Amino acid sequence: MRAVIQRVSSASVEVDGAVSGAIERGFLALIGVARDDAEGDAIAMATKIAGLRVFNDDAGDMNRSLKDVGGGILAVSQFTLYGDARKGRRPSFIDAAPGETAAPLFDQVVTLLRREGLTVQTGVFGAQMHVSLVNEGPVTILLDSRKLF
């Protein structure tokens, strides 16, 4: 499982012209699921996101988590995180999980984050979405449940 985490001062997602999720301060989490991901990957990803300390403390150091600052998460499914563009100009998405496999694992990450006491909004899985954000910093972190990077 992969995620791109962006520290935001606000973020929202629209589907068919209607807002399906919006947050103020927190994370925009673009989350992709691989073909061979399982429950352990969802647990690892949720744990990492919930504990990530990228908000500034009083000294200006990135030392606070979402809980520390009362932030929310806008979680958006993003199969293109498994796009492989090493050959040619058209990415291959063969490593991305099909929707029937990916949706339950994405939902599990959302559920686990909510169990941590975090406010989580979402897009609509598999829909064409328009995501808006104000990246604060900018701070953008790449995560991989198998620690490949």
Foldseek 3Di string as FASTA:
>chain_A
DKKKKFFFQKKFKDFPRHTQDIWGTDIEIADFAFQPDDLLLLVLVLVCQQPDQQDQDPVGHSGHGCVRVVTAYEYEYDLCVQWDCPDDHGTDSNGTHPPVVTVVSSVSSVVSNVVVVHHYTYDDPPGDMDMDTGGPPGDIDMDGSVPPD
